[in-house]
Amino acid sequence: MGECIFCRIAFKAIPAKIISETSLALAFHDINPQAPLHVLIIPKEHIGSVLEIKAQHSVLLKEMFLMAQDIARQEKVDQSGFRLIFNCGPHAGQAVDHLHLHLLGRRKLSWPPG
């Protein structure tokens, strides 16, 4: 598990407001939300970033996207719209070196971002 905060959340060593969980992935509310709905979807396996994804992670990535679909429906943003984001590296805003998918919604999101 090490010192990675998301690994510690995945293994329940740190509390989080979990809204969905499978054997491969976990979703929880972001503690510093950038939208009224801001959920992080993480793999339970430590993967540092998008650059560390391998072919064998295809099932895990599918699980993360299906979880995002379910959460969007559960949180009633499936019709109004939502955004999914992977940040990669410090210039993109990746603050935790553990792959995570942001799900943002419940407000109009501008484009281009940031």
PDB file of N, CA and C in Angstrom:
ATOM      1  N   MET A   1       0.825  -1.197   0.000  1.00  0.00           N
ATOM      2  CA  MET A   1       0.000   0.000   0.000  1.00  0.00           C
ATOM      3  C   MET A   1       0.868   1.259   0.000  1.00  0.00           C
ATOM      4  N   GLY A   2       1.912   1.307   0.777  1.00  0.00           N
ATOM      5  CA  GLY A   2       2.820   2.438   0.777  1.00  0.00           C
ATOM      6  C   GLY A   2       2.182   3.726   1.263  1.00  0.00           C
ATOM      7  N   GLU A   3       2.698   4.834   0.763  1.00  0.00           N
ATOM      8  CA  GLU A   3       2.257   6.151   1.198  1.00  0.00           C
ATOM      9  C   GLU A   3       1.234   6.785   0.257  1.00  0.00           C
ATOM     10  N   CYS A   4       0.850   6.114  -0.814  1.00  0.00           N
ATOM     11  CA  CYS A   4      -0.106   6.672  -1.768  1.00  0.00           C
ATOM     12  C   CYS A   4      -1.465   6.855  -1.090  1.00  0.00           C
ATOM     13  N   ILE A   5      -1.960   8.087  -1.076  1.00  0.00           N
ATOM     14  CA  ILE A   5      -3.221   8.374  -0.391  1.00  0.00           C
ATOM     15  C   ILE A   5      -4.387   7.621  -1.018  1.00  0.00           C
ATOM     16  N   PHE A   6      -4.396   7.467  -2.349  1.00  0.00           N
ATOM     17  CA  PHE A   6      -5.504   6.754  -2.989  1.00  0.00           C
ATOM     18  C   PHE A   6      -5.430   5.255  -2.721  1.00  0.00           C
ATOM     19  N   CYS A   7      -4.239   4.700  -2.626  1.00  0.00           N
ATOM     20  CA  CYS A   7      -4.116   3.289  -2.230  1.00  0.00           C
ATOM     21  C   CYS A   7      -4.645   3.113  -0.807  1.00  0.00           C
ATOM     22  N   ARG A   8      -4.336   4.053   0.057  1.00  0.00           N
ATOM     23  CA  ARG A   8      -4.797   3.972   1.446  1.00  0.00           C
ATOM     24  C   ARG A   8      -6.318   4.089   1.523  1.00  0.00           C
ATOM     25  N   ILE A   9      -6.907   4.917   0.658  1.00  0.00           N
ATOM     26  CA  ILE A   9      -8.365   5.011   0.597  1.00  0.00           C
ATOM     27  C   ILE A   9      -8.942   3.697   0.069  1.00  0.00           C
ATOM     28  N   ALA A  10      -8.335   3.152  -0.976  1.00  0.00           N
ATOM     29  CA  ALA A  10      -8.822   1.896  -1.571  1.00  0.00           C
ATOM     30  C   ALA A  10      -8.815   0.751  -0.565  1.00  0.00           C
ATOM     31  N   PHE A  11      -7.833   0.745   0.342  1.00  0.00           N
ATOM     32  CA  PHE A  11      -7.732  -0.319   1.336  1.00  0.00           C
ATOM     33  C   PHE A  11      -8.336   0.073   2.681  1.00  0.00           C
ATOM     34  N   LYS A  12      -9.117   1.183   2.681  1.00  0.00           N
ATOM     35  CA  LYS A  12      -9.887   1.625   3.850  1.00  0.00           C
ATOM     36  C   LYS A  12      -9.028   2.033   5.039  1.00  0.00           C
ATOM     37  N   ALA A  13      -7.769   2.406   4.779  1.00  0.00           N
ATOM     38  CA  ALA A  13      -6.905   2.909   5.844  1.00  0.00           C
ATOM     39  C   ALA A  13      -7.175   4.390   6.104  1.00  0.00           C
ATOM     40  N   ILE A  14      -7.793   5.063   5.139  1.00  0.00           N
ATOM     41  CA  ILE A  14      -8.212   6.459   5.270  1.00  0.00           C
ATOM     42  C   ILE A  14      -9.685   6.505   4.907  1.00  0.00           C
ATOM     43  N   PRO A  15     -10.513   7.186   5.690  1.00  0.00           N
ATOM     44  CA  PRO A  15     -11.935   7.246   5.362  1.00  0.00           C
ATOM     45  C   PRO A  15     -12.206   8.122   4.139  1.00  0.00           C
ATOM     46  N   ALA A  16     -13.242   7.782   3.418  1.00  0.00           N
ATOM     47  CA  ALA A  16     -13.701   8.564   2.276  1.00  0.00           C
ATOM     48  C   ALA A  16     -15.195   8.335   2.131  1.00  0.00           C
ATOM     49  N   LYS A  17     -15.863   9.262   1.480  1.00  0.00           N
ATOM     50  CA  LYS A  17     -17.293   9.123   1.230  1.00  0.00           C
ATOM     51  C   LYS A  17     -17.457   8.296  -0.052  1.00  0.00           C
ATOM     52  N   ILE A  18     -17.433   6.982   0.119  1.00  0.00           N
ATOM     53  CA  ILE A  18     -17.478   6.039  -0.999  1.00  0.00           C
ATOM     54  C   ILE A  18     -18.905   5.947  -1.526  1.00  0.00           C
ATOM     55  N   ILE A  19     -19.034   6.005  -2.867  1.00  0.00           N
ATOM     56  CA  ILE A  19     -20.367   5.884  -3.458  1.00  0.00           C
ATOM     57  C   ILE A  19     -20.511   4.659  -4.350  1.00  0.00           C
ATOM     58  N   SER A  20     -19.393   4.024  -4.699  1.00  0.00           N
ATOM     59  CA  SER A  20     -19.468   2.805  -5.492  1.00  0.00           C
ATOM     60  C   SER A  20     -18.162   2.033  -5.324  1.00  0.00           C
ATOM     61  N   GLU A  21     -18.278   0.697  -5.366  1.00  0.00           N
ATOM     62  CA  GLU A  21     -17.084  -0.131  -5.203  1.00  0.00           C
ATOM     63  C   GLU A  21     -17.302  -1.473  -5.871  1.00  0.00           C
ATOM     64  N   THR A  22     -16.253  -1.937  -6.553  1.00  0.00           N
ATOM     65  CA  THR A  22     -16.205  -3.295  -7.096  1.00  0.00           C
ATOM     66  C   THR A  22     -14.878  -3.898  -6.647  1.00  0.00           C
ATOM     67  N   SER A  23     -14.607  -5.090  -7.087  1.00  0.00           N
ATOM     68  CA  SER A  23     -13.336  -5.717  -6.717  1.00  0.00           C
ATOM     69  C   SER A  23     -12.144  -5.007  -7.369  1.00  0.00           C
ATOM     70  N   LEU A  24     -12.386  -4.240  -8.446  1.00  0.00           N
ATOM     71  CA  LEU A  24     -11.298  -3.588  -9.183  1.00  0.00           C
ATOM     72  C   LEU A  24     -11.193  -2.085  -8.969  1.00  0.00           C
ATOM     73  N   ALA A  25     -12.311  -1.444  -8.639  1.00  0.00           N
ATOM     74  CA  ALA A  25     -12.327   0.023  -8.607  1.00  0.00           C
ATOM     75  C   ALA A  25     -13.162   0.539  -7.445  1.00  0.00           C
ATOM     76  N   LEU A  26     -12.930   1.813  -7.147  1.00  0.00           N
ATOM     77  CA  LEU A  26     -13.608   2.475  -6.045  1.00  0.00           C
ATOM     78  C   LEU A  26     -13.923   3.903  -6.475  1.00  0.00           C
ATOM     79  N   ALA A  27     -15.104   4.394  -6.120  1.00  0.00           N
ATOM     80  CA  ALA A  27     -15.486   5.781  -6.418  1.00  0.00           C
ATOM     81  C   ALA A  27     -15.857   6.485  -5.123  1.00  0.00           C
ATOM     82  N   PHE A  28     -15.391   7.714  -4.984  1.00  0.00           N
ATOM     83  CA  PHE A  28     -15.671   8.491  -3.786  1.00  0.00           C
ATOM     84  C   PHE A  28     -15.726   9.974  -4.131  1.00  0.00           C
ATOM     85  N   HIS A  29     -16.386  10.737  -3.266  1.00  0.00           N
ATOM     86  CA  HIS A  29     -16.501  12.177  -3.472  1.00  0.00           C
ATOM     87  C   HIS A  29     -15.156  12.850  -3.207  1.00  0.00           C
ATOM     88  N   ASP A  30     -14.779  13.775  -4.089  1.00  0.00           N
ATOM     89  CA  ASP A  30     -13.542  14.537  -3.944  1.00  0.00           C
ATOM     90  C   ASP A  30     -13.667  15.475  -2.742  1.00  0.00           C
ATOM     91  N   ILE A  31     -12.610  15.580  -1.937  1.00  0.00           N
ATOM     92  CA  ILE A  31     -12.654  16.451  -0.765  1.00  0.00           C
ATOM     93  C   ILE A  31     -12.459  17.924  -1.132  1.00  0.00           C
ATOM     94  N   ASN A  32     -12.041  18.197  -2.377  1.00  0.00           N
ATOM     95  CA  ASN A  32     -11.872  19.564  -2.870  1.00  0.00           C
ATOM     96  C   ASN A  32     -12.642  19.688  -4.185  1.00  0.00           C
ATOM     97  N   PRO A  33     -13.974  19.642  -4.125  1.00  0.00           N
ATOM     98  CA  PRO A  33     -14.772  19.569  -5.347  1.00  0.00           C
ATOM     99  C   PRO A  33     -14.651  20.803  -6.242  1.00  0.00           C
ATOM    100  N   GLN A  34     -14.589  20.563  -7.544  1.00  0.00           N
ATOM    101  CA  GLN A  34     -14.519  21.623  -8.536  1.00  0.00           C
ATOM    102  C   GLN A  34     -15.860  21.830  -9.235  1.00  0.00           C
ATOM    103  N   ALA A  35     -16.850  21.098  -8.810  1.00  0.00           N
ATOM    104  CA  ALA A  35     -18.217  21.202  -9.324  1.00  0.00           C
ATOM    105  C   ALA A  35     -19.126  20.673  -8.215  1.00  0.00           C
ATOM    106  N   PRO A  36     -20.421  20.986  -8.280  1.00  0.00           N
ATOM    107  CA  PRO A  36     -21.335  20.463  -7.257  1.00  0.00           C
ATOM    108  C   PRO A  36     -21.285  18.938  -7.133  1.00  0.00           C
ATOM    109  N   LEU A  37     -21.045  18.253  -8.235  1.00  0.00           N
ATOM    110  CA  LEU A  37     -20.791  16.807  -8.202  1.00  0.00           C
ATOM    111  C   LEU A  37     -19.362  16.599  -8.686  1.00  0.00           C
ATOM    112  N   HIS A  38     -18.515  16.061  -7.827  1.00  0.00           N
ATOM    113  CA  HIS A  38     -17.124  15.771  -8.200  1.00  0.00           C
ATOM    114  C   HIS A  38     -16.734  14.457  -7.536  1.00  0.00           C
ATOM    115  N   VAL A  39     -16.702  13.420  -8.358  1.00  0.00           N
ATOM    116  CA  VAL A  39     -16.398  12.069  -7.896  1.00  0.00           C
ATOM    117  C   VAL A  39     -15.073  11.635  -8.503  1.00  0.00           C
ATOM    118  N   LEU A  40     -14.268  10.934  -7.727  1.00  0.00           N
ATOM    119  CA  LEU A  40     -13.032  10.328  -8.225  1.00  0.00           C
ATOM    120  C   LEU A  40     -13.246   8.824  -8.329  1.00  0.00           C
ATOM    121  N   ILE A  41     -12.875   8.268  -9.457  1.00  0.00           N
ATOM    122  CA  ILE A  41     -12.962   6.824  -9.678  1.00  0.00           C
ATOM    123  C   ILE A  41     -11.533   6.332  -9.843  1.00  0.00           C
ATOM    124  N   ILE A  42     -11.139   5.420  -8.951  1.00  0.00           N
ATOM    125  CA  ILE A  42      -9.746   4.954  -8.935  1.00  0.00           C
ATOM    126  C   ILE A  42      -9.680   3.440  -9.076  1.00  0.00           C
ATOM    127  N   PRO A  43      -8.591   2.951  -9.669  1.00  0.00           N
ATOM    128  CA  PRO A  43      -8.365   1.508  -9.612  1.00  0.00           C
ATOM    129  C   PRO A  43      -7.831   1.151  -8.232  1.00  0.00           C
ATOM    130  N   LYS A  44      -8.161  -0.029  -7.756  1.00  0.00           N
ATOM    131  CA  LYS A  44      -7.598  -0.472  -6.474  1.00  0.00           C
ATOM    132  C   LYS A  44      -6.123  -0.833  -6.632  1.00  0.00           C
ATOM    133  N   GLU A  45      -5.743  -1.221  -7.807  1.00  0.00           N
ATOM    134  CA  GLU A  45      -4.332  -1.480  -8.121  1.00  0.00           C
ATOM    135  C   GLU A  45      -3.629  -0.145  -8.301  1.00  0.00           C
ATOM    136  N   HIS A  46      -2.431  -0.005  -7.773  1.00  0.00           N
ATOM    137  CA  HIS A  46      -1.697   1.244  -7.960  1.00  0.00           C
ATOM    138  C   HIS A  46      -1.167   1.333  -9.382  1.00  0.00           C
ATOM    139  N   ILE A  47      -1.638   2.336 -10.092  1.00  0.00           N
ATOM    140  CA  ILE A  47      -1.142   2.692 -11.418  1.00  0.00           C
ATOM    141  C   ILE A  47      -0.867   4.185 -11.317  1.00  0.00           C
ATOM    142  N   GLY A  48       0.354   4.605 -11.577  1.00  0.00           N
ATOM    143  CA  GLY A  48       0.748   5.985 -11.333  1.00  0.00           C
ATOM    144  C   GLY A  48       0.032   7.031 -12.167  1.00  0.00           C
ATOM    145  N   SER A  49      -0.185   6.737 -13.442  1.00  0.00           N
ATOM    146  CA  SER A  49      -0.830   7.705 -14.334  1.00  0.00           C
ATOM    147  C   SER A  49      -1.261   7.002 -15.611  1.00  0.00           C
ATOM    148  N   VAL A  50      -1.845   7.761 -16.503  1.00  0.00           N
ATOM    149  CA  VAL A  50      -2.237   7.245 -17.818  1.00  0.00           C
ATOM    150  C   VAL A  50      -1.032   6.635 -18.531  1.00  0.00           C
ATOM    151  N   LEU A  51       0.144   7.182 -18.295  1.00  0.00           N
ATOM    152  CA  LEU A  51       1.353   6.686 -18.965  1.00  0.00           C
ATOM    153  C   LEU A  51       1.778   5.295 -18.502  1.00  0.00           C
ATOM    154  N   GLU A  52       1.216   4.812 -17.411  1.00  0.00           N
ATOM    155  CA  GLU A  52       1.562   3.483 -16.901  1.00  0.00           C
ATOM    156  C   GLU A  52       0.516   2.422 -17.243  1.00  0.00           C
ATOM    157  N   ILE A  53      -0.518   2.799 -17.979  1.00  0.00           N
ATOM    158  CA  ILE A  53      -1.545   1.829 -18.372  1.00  0.00           C
ATOM    159  C   ILE A  53      -0.943   0.843 -19.370  1.00  0.00           C
ATOM    160  N   LYS A  54      -1.231  -0.419 -19.156  1.00  0.00           N
ATOM    161  CA  LYS A  54      -0.773  -1.498 -20.038  1.00  0.00           C
ATOM    162  C   LYS A  54      -1.980  -2.191 -20.657  1.00  0.00           C
ATOM    163  N   ALA A  55      -1.742  -3.001 -21.670  1.00  0.00           N
ATOM    164  CA  ALA A  55      -2.825  -3.721 -22.345  1.00  0.00           C
ATOM    165  C   ALA A  55      -3.636  -4.561 -21.361  1.00  0.00           C
ATOM    166  N   GLN A  56      -2.985  -5.134 -20.371  1.00  0.00           N
ATOM    167  CA  GLN A  56      -3.696  -5.991 -19.413  1.00  0.00           C
ATOM    168  C   GLN A  56      -4.645  -5.201 -18.504  1.00  0.00           C
ATOM    169  N   HIS A  57      -4.598  -3.865 -18.553  1.00  0.00           N
ATOM    170  CA  HIS A  57      -5.492  -3.047 -17.747  1.00  0.00           C
ATOM    171  C   HIS A  57      -6.834  -2.768 -18.440  1.00  0.00           C
ATOM    172  N   SER A  58      -7.072  -3.363 -19.594  1.00  0.00           N
ATOM    173  CA  SER A  58      -8.293  -3.060 -20.351  1.00  0.00           C
ATOM    174  C   SER A  58      -9.564  -3.385 -19.548  1.00  0.00           C
ATOM    175  N   VAL A  59      -9.575  -4.474 -18.814  1.00  0.00           N
ATOM    176  CA  VAL A  59     -10.747  -4.838 -18.019  1.00  0.00           C
ATOM    177  C   VAL A  59     -10.955  -3.812 -16.903  1.00  0.00           C
ATOM    178  N   LEU A  60      -9.891  -3.382 -16.280  1.00  0.00           N
ATOM    179  CA  LEU A  60      -9.955  -2.379 -15.223  1.00  0.00           C
ATOM    180  C   LEU A  60     -10.499  -1.058 -15.758  1.00  0.00           C
ATOM    181  N   LEU A  61     -10.002  -0.614 -16.904  1.00  0.00           N
ATOM    182  CA  LEU A  61     -10.470   0.647 -17.490  1.00  0.00           C
ATOM    183  C   LEU A  61     -11.946   0.558 -17.864  1.00  0.00           C
ATOM    184  N   LYS A  62     -12.349  -0.568 -18.408  1.00  0.00           N
ATOM    185  CA  LYS A  62     -13.765  -0.778 -18.721  1.00  0.00           C
ATOM    186  C   LYS A  62     -14.595  -0.663 -17.446  1.00  0.00           C
ATOM    187  N   GLU A  63     -14.132  -1.269 -16.380  1.00  0.00           N
ATOM    188  CA  GLU A  63     -14.829  -1.214 -15.085  1.00  0.00           C
ATOM    189  C   GLU A  63     -14.973   0.230 -14.604  1.00  0.00           C
ATOM    190  N   MET A  64     -13.922   1.029 -14.764  1.00  0.00           N
ATOM    191  CA  MET A  64     -13.962   2.425 -14.334  1.00  0.00           C
ATOM    192  C   MET A  64     -14.986   3.224 -15.141  1.00  0.00           C
ATOM    193  N   PHE A  65     -15.041   3.000 -16.445  1.00  0.00           N
ATOM    194  CA  PHE A  65     -15.993   3.730 -17.280  1.00  0.00           C
ATOM    195  C   PHE A  65     -17.427   3.268 -17.039  1.00  0.00           C
ATOM    196  N   LEU A  66     -17.630   1.984 -16.813  1.00  0.00           N
ATOM    197  CA  LEU A  66     -18.974   1.505 -16.488  1.00  0.00           C
ATOM    198  C   LEU A  66     -19.431   2.050 -15.134  1.00  0.00           C
ATOM    199  N   MET A  67     -18.499   2.165 -14.203  1.00  0.00           N
ATOM    200  CA  MET A  67     -18.812   2.751 -12.908  1.00  0.00           C
ATOM    201  C   MET A  67     -19.207   4.217 -13.093  1.00  0.00           C
ATOM    202  N   ALA A  68     -18.485   4.937 -13.942  1.00  0.00           N
ATOM    203  CA  ALA A  68     -18.823   6.337 -14.218  1.00  0.00           C
ATOM    204  C   ALA A  68     -20.233   6.453 -14.797  1.00  0.00           C
ATOM    205  N   GLN A  69     -20.587   5.565 -15.714  1.00  0.00           N
ATOM    206  CA  GLN A  69     -21.951   5.544 -16.275  1.00  0.00           C
ATOM    207  C   GLN A  69     -22.983   5.363 -15.174  1.00  0.00           C
ATOM    208  N   ASP A  70     -22.769   4.379 -14.333  1.00  0.00           N
ATOM    209  CA  ASP A  70     -23.714   4.083 -13.249  1.00  0.00           C
ATOM    210  C   ASP A  70     -23.858   5.268 -12.297  1.00  0.00           C
ATOM    211  N   ILE A  71     -22.741   5.891 -11.953  1.00  0.00           N
ATOM    212  CA  ILE A  71     -22.779   7.030 -11.037  1.00  0.00           C
ATOM    213  C   ILE A  71     -23.506   8.205 -11.682  1.00  0.00           C
ATOM    214  N   ALA A  72     -23.258   8.462 -12.956  1.00  0.00           N
ATOM    215  CA  ALA A  72     -23.940   9.549 -13.661  1.00  0.00           C
ATOM    216  C   ALA A  72     -25.451   9.347 -13.625  1.00  0.00           C
ATOM    217  N   ARG A  73     -25.883   8.114 -13.827  1.00  0.00           N
ATOM    218  CA  ARG A  73     -27.321   7.817 -13.755  1.00  0.00           C
ATOM    219  C   ARG A  73     -27.847   7.957 -12.327  1.00  0.00           C
ATOM    220  N   GLN A  74     -27.108   7.400 -11.381  1.00  0.00           N
ATOM    221  CA  GLN A  74     -27.504   7.445  -9.964  1.00  0.00           C
ATOM    222  C   GLN A  74     -27.604   8.888  -9.470  1.00  0.00           C
ATOM    223  N   GLU A  75     -26.691   9.739  -9.903  1.00  0.00           N
ATOM    224  CA  GLU A  75     -26.646  11.138  -9.455  1.00  0.00           C
ATOM    225  C   GLU A  75     -27.469  12.060 -10.352  1.00  0.00           C
ATOM    226  N   LYS A  76     -28.163  11.470 -11.336  1.00  0.00           N
ATOM    227  CA  LYS A  76     -29.098  12.196 -12.209  1.00  0.00           C
ATOM    228  C   LYS A  76     -28.430  13.283 -13.060  1.00  0.00           C
ATOM    229  N   VAL A  77     -27.197  13.033 -13.511  1.00  0.00           N
ATOM    230  CA  VAL A  77     -26.546  13.962 -14.442  1.00  0.00           C
ATOM    231  C   VAL A  77     -26.412  13.350 -15.836  1.00  0.00           C
ATOM    232  N   ASP A  78     -26.971  12.163 -16.013  1.00  0.00           N
ATOM    233  CA  ASP A  78     -26.864  11.479 -17.298  1.00  0.00           C
ATOM    234  C   ASP A  78     -27.587  12.238 -18.412  1.00  0.00           C
ATOM    235  N   GLN A  79     -28.640  12.969 -18.092  1.00  0.00           N
ATOM    236  CA  GLN A  79     -29.387  13.714 -19.107  1.00  0.00           C
ATOM    237  C   GLN A  79     -28.855  15.138 -19.282  1.00  0.00           C
ATOM    238  N   SER A  80     -28.483  15.795 -18.193  1.00  0.00           N
ATOM    239  CA  SER A  80     -28.015  17.184 -18.280  1.00  0.00           C
ATOM    240  C   SER A  80     -26.573  17.282 -18.765  1.00  0.00           C
ATOM    241  N   GLY A  81     -25.787  16.260 -18.509  1.00  0.00           N
ATOM    242  CA  GLY A  81     -24.400  16.241 -18.957  1.00  0.00           C
ATOM    243  C   GLY A  81     -23.413  16.211 -17.806  1.00  0.00           C
ATOM    244  N   PHE A  82     -22.258  15.660 -18.101  1.00  0.00           N
ATOM    245  CA  PHE A  82     -21.181  15.550 -17.119  1.00  0.00           C
ATOM    246  C   PHE A  82     -19.882  15.442 -17.880  1.00  0.00           C
ATOM    247  N   ARG A  83     -18.783  15.588 -17.178  1.00  0.00           N
ATOM    248  CA  ARG A  83     -17.459  15.514 -17.806  1.00  0.00           C
ATOM    249  C   ARG A  83     -16.636  14.454 -17.099  1.00  0.00           C
ATOM    250  N   LEU A  84     -15.882  13.681 -17.902  1.00  0.00           N
ATOM    251  CA  LEU A  84     -14.919  12.706 -17.391  1.00  0.00           C
ATOM    252  C   LEU A  84     -13.528  13.192 -17.786  1.00  0.00           C
ATOM    253  N   ILE A  85     -12.604  13.170 -16.813  1.00  0.00           N
ATOM    254  CA  ILE A  85     -11.257  13.709 -17.055  1.00  0.00           C
ATOM    255  C   ILE A  85     -10.200  12.815 -16.413  1.00  0.00           C
ATOM    256  N   PHE A  86      -9.158  12.520 -17.189  1.00  0.00           N
ATOM    257  CA  PHE A  86      -7.925  11.956 -16.657  1.00  0.00           C
ATOM    258  C   PHE A  86      -6.876  13.059 -16.792  1.00  0.00           C
ATOM    259  N   ASN A  87      -6.258  13.493 -15.706  1.00  0.00           N
ATOM    260  CA  ASN A  87      -5.131  14.421 -15.773  1.00  0.00           C
ATOM    261  C   ASN A  87      -3.858  13.581 -15.743  1.00  0.00           C
ATOM    262  N   CYS A  88      -2.851  14.016 -16.491  1.00  0.00           N
ATOM    263  CA  CYS A  88      -1.589  13.267 -16.535  1.00  0.00           C
ATOM    264  C   CYS A  88      -0.420  14.232 -16.393  1.00  0.00           C
ATOM    265  N   GLY A  89       0.204  14.207 -15.219  1.00  0.00           N
ATOM    266  CA  GLY A  89       1.357  15.052 -14.964  1.00  0.00           C
ATOM    267  C   GLY A  89       0.992  16.368 -14.297  1.00  0.00           C
ATOM    268  N   PRO A  90       1.991  17.021 -13.713  1.00  0.00           N
ATOM    269  CA  PRO A  90       1.743  18.239 -12.944  1.00  0.00           C
ATOM    270  C   PRO A  90       1.172  19.397 -13.772  1.00  0.00           C
ATOM    271  N   HIS A  91       1.593  19.577 -15.013  1.00  0.00           N
ATOM    272  CA  HIS A  91       1.066  20.684 -15.823  1.00  0.00           C
ATOM    273  C   HIS A  91      -0.395  20.463 -16.181  1.00  0.00           C
ATOM    274  N   ALA A  92      -0.860  19.233 -16.149  1.00  0.00           N
ATOM    275  CA  ALA A  92      -2.267  18.930 -16.428  1.00  0.00           C
ATOM    276  C   ALA A  92      -3.113  18.971 -15.164  1.00  0.00           C
ATOM    277  N   GLY A  93      -2.471  19.100 -14.014  1.00  0.00           N
ATOM    278  CA  GLY A  93      -3.200  19.183 -12.756  1.00  0.00           C
ATOM    279  C   GLY A  93      -3.269  17.891 -11.971  1.00  0.00           C
ATOM    280  N   GLN A  94      -2.477  16.874 -12.354  1.00  0.00           N
ATOM    281  CA  GLN A  94      -2.487  15.631 -11.586  1.00  0.00           C
ATOM    282  C   GLN A  94      -1.751  15.862 -10.271  1.00  0.00           C
ATOM    283  N   ALA A  95      -2.502  15.858  -9.169  1.00  0.00           N
ATOM    284  CA  ALA A  95      -1.929  16.143  -7.852  1.00  0.00           C
ATOM    285  C   ALA A  95      -1.568  14.881  -7.083  1.00  0.00           C
ATOM    286  N   VAL A  96      -2.186  13.746  -7.431  1.00  0.00           N
ATOM    287  CA  VAL A  96      -1.905  12.473  -6.765  1.00  0.00           C
ATOM    288  C   VAL A  96      -1.419  11.493  -7.826  1.00  0.00           C
ATOM    289  N   ASP A  97      -0.269  10.899  -7.585  1.00  0.00           N
ATOM    290  CA  ASP A  97       0.309   9.959  -8.550  1.00  0.00           C
ATOM    291  C   ASP A  97      -0.330   8.580  -8.419  1.00  0.00           C
ATOM    292  N   HIS A  98      -1.615   8.532  -8.729  1.00  0.00           N
ATOM    293  CA  HIS A  98      -2.402   7.296  -8.777  1.00  0.00           C
ATOM    294  C   HIS A  98      -3.491   7.593  -9.802  1.00  0.00           C
ATOM    295  N   LEU A  99      -3.593   6.761 -10.808  1.00  0.00           N
ATOM    296  CA  LEU A  99      -4.584   6.966 -11.853  1.00  0.00           C
ATOM    297  C   LEU A  99      -5.949   7.248 -11.239  1.00  0.00           C
ATOM    298  N   HIS A 100      -6.614   8.288 -11.721  1.00  0.00           N
ATOM    299  CA  HIS A 100      -7.964   8.577 -11.242  1.00  0.00           C
ATOM    300  C   HIS A 100      -8.746   9.319 -12.317  1.00  0.00           C
ATOM    301  N   LEU A 101     -10.001   8.960 -12.393  1.00  0.00           N
ATOM    302  CA  LEU A 101     -10.935   9.534 -13.348  1.00  0.00           C
ATOM    303  C   LEU A 101     -11.867  10.470 -12.583  1.00  0.00           C
ATOM    304  N   HIS A 102     -11.895  11.726 -13.003  1.00  0.00           N
ATOM    305  CA  HIS A 102     -12.796  12.704 -12.394  1.00  0.00           C
ATOM    306  C   HIS A 102     -14.137  12.649 -13.119  1.00  0.00           C
ATOM    307  N   LEU A 103     -15.215  12.662 -12.363  1.00  0.00           N
ATOM    308  CA  LEU A 103     -16.561  12.808 -12.909  1.00  0.00           C
ATOM    309  C   LEU A 103     -17.108  14.101 -12.312  1.00  0.00           C
ATOM    310  N   LEU A 104     -17.366  15.089 -13.187  1.00  0.00           N
ATOM    311  CA  LEU A 104     -17.850  16.402 -12.756  1.00  0.00           C
ATOM    312  C   LEU A 104     -19.216  16.671 -13.355  1.00  0.00           C
ATOM    313  N   GLY A 105     -20.101  17.259 -12.559  1.00  0.00           N
ATOM    314  CA  GLY A 105     -21.417  17.594 -13.065  1.00  0.00           C
ATOM    315  C   GLY A 105     -22.189  18.498 -12.129  1.00  0.00           C
ATOM    316  N   ARG A 106     -23.454  18.704 -12.498  1.00  0.00           N
ATOM    317  CA  ARG A 106     -24.423  19.551 -11.793  1.00  0.00           C
ATOM    318  C   ARG A 106     -24.154  21.042 -11.944  1.00  0.00           C
ATOM    319  N   ARG A 107     -23.364  21.419 -12.938  1.00  0.00           N
ATOM    320  CA  ARG A 107     -23.237  22.824 -13.332  1.00  0.00           C
ATOM    321  C   ARG A 107     -22.774  22.840 -14.786  1.00  0.00           C
ATOM    322  N   LYS A 108     -22.979  23.966 -15.457  1.00  0.00           N
ATOM    323  CA  LYS A 108     -22.509  24.102 -16.829  1.00  0.00           C
ATOM    324  C   LYS A 108     -20.993  24.217 -16.786  1.00  0.00           C
ATOM    325  N   LEU A 109     -20.330  23.360 -17.522  1.00  0.00           N
ATOM    326  CA  LEU A 109     -18.865  23.340 -17.572  1.00  0.00           C
ATOM    327  C   LEU A 109     -18.409  24.058 -18.832  1.00  0.00           C
ATOM    328  N   SER A 110     -17.429  24.940 -18.699  1.00  0.00           N
ATOM    329  CA  SER A 110     -16.971  25.719 -19.847  1.00  0.00           C
ATOM    330  C   SER A 110     -15.950  24.945 -20.674  1.00  0.00           C
ATOM    331  N   TRP A 111     -15.726  25.429 -21.896  1.00  0.00           N
ATOM    332  CA  TRP A 111     -14.718  24.857 -22.785  1.00  0.00           C
ATOM    333  C   TRP A 111     -14.019  25.985 -23.493  1.00  0.00           C
ATOM    334  N   PRO A 112     -12.729  25.983 -23.630  1.00  0.00           N
ATOM    335  CA  PRO A 112     -11.826  24.949 -23.148  1.00  0.00           C
ATOM    336  C   PRO A 112     -11.627  25.033 -21.643  1.00  0.00           C
ATOM    337  N   PRO A 113     -11.317  23.881 -21.036  1.00  0.00           N
ATOM    338  CA  PRO A 113     -11.092  23.874 -19.583  1.00  0.00           C
ATOM    339  C   PRO A 113      -9.755  24.531 -19.243  1.00  0.00           C
ATOM    340  N   GLY A 114      -9.638  24.946 -17.995  1.00  0.00           N
ATOM    341  CA  GLY A 114      -8.396  25.466 -17.418  1.00  0.00           C
ATOM    342  C   GLY A 114      -7.640  26.388 -18.279  1.00  0.00           C
TER     343      GLY A 114
END
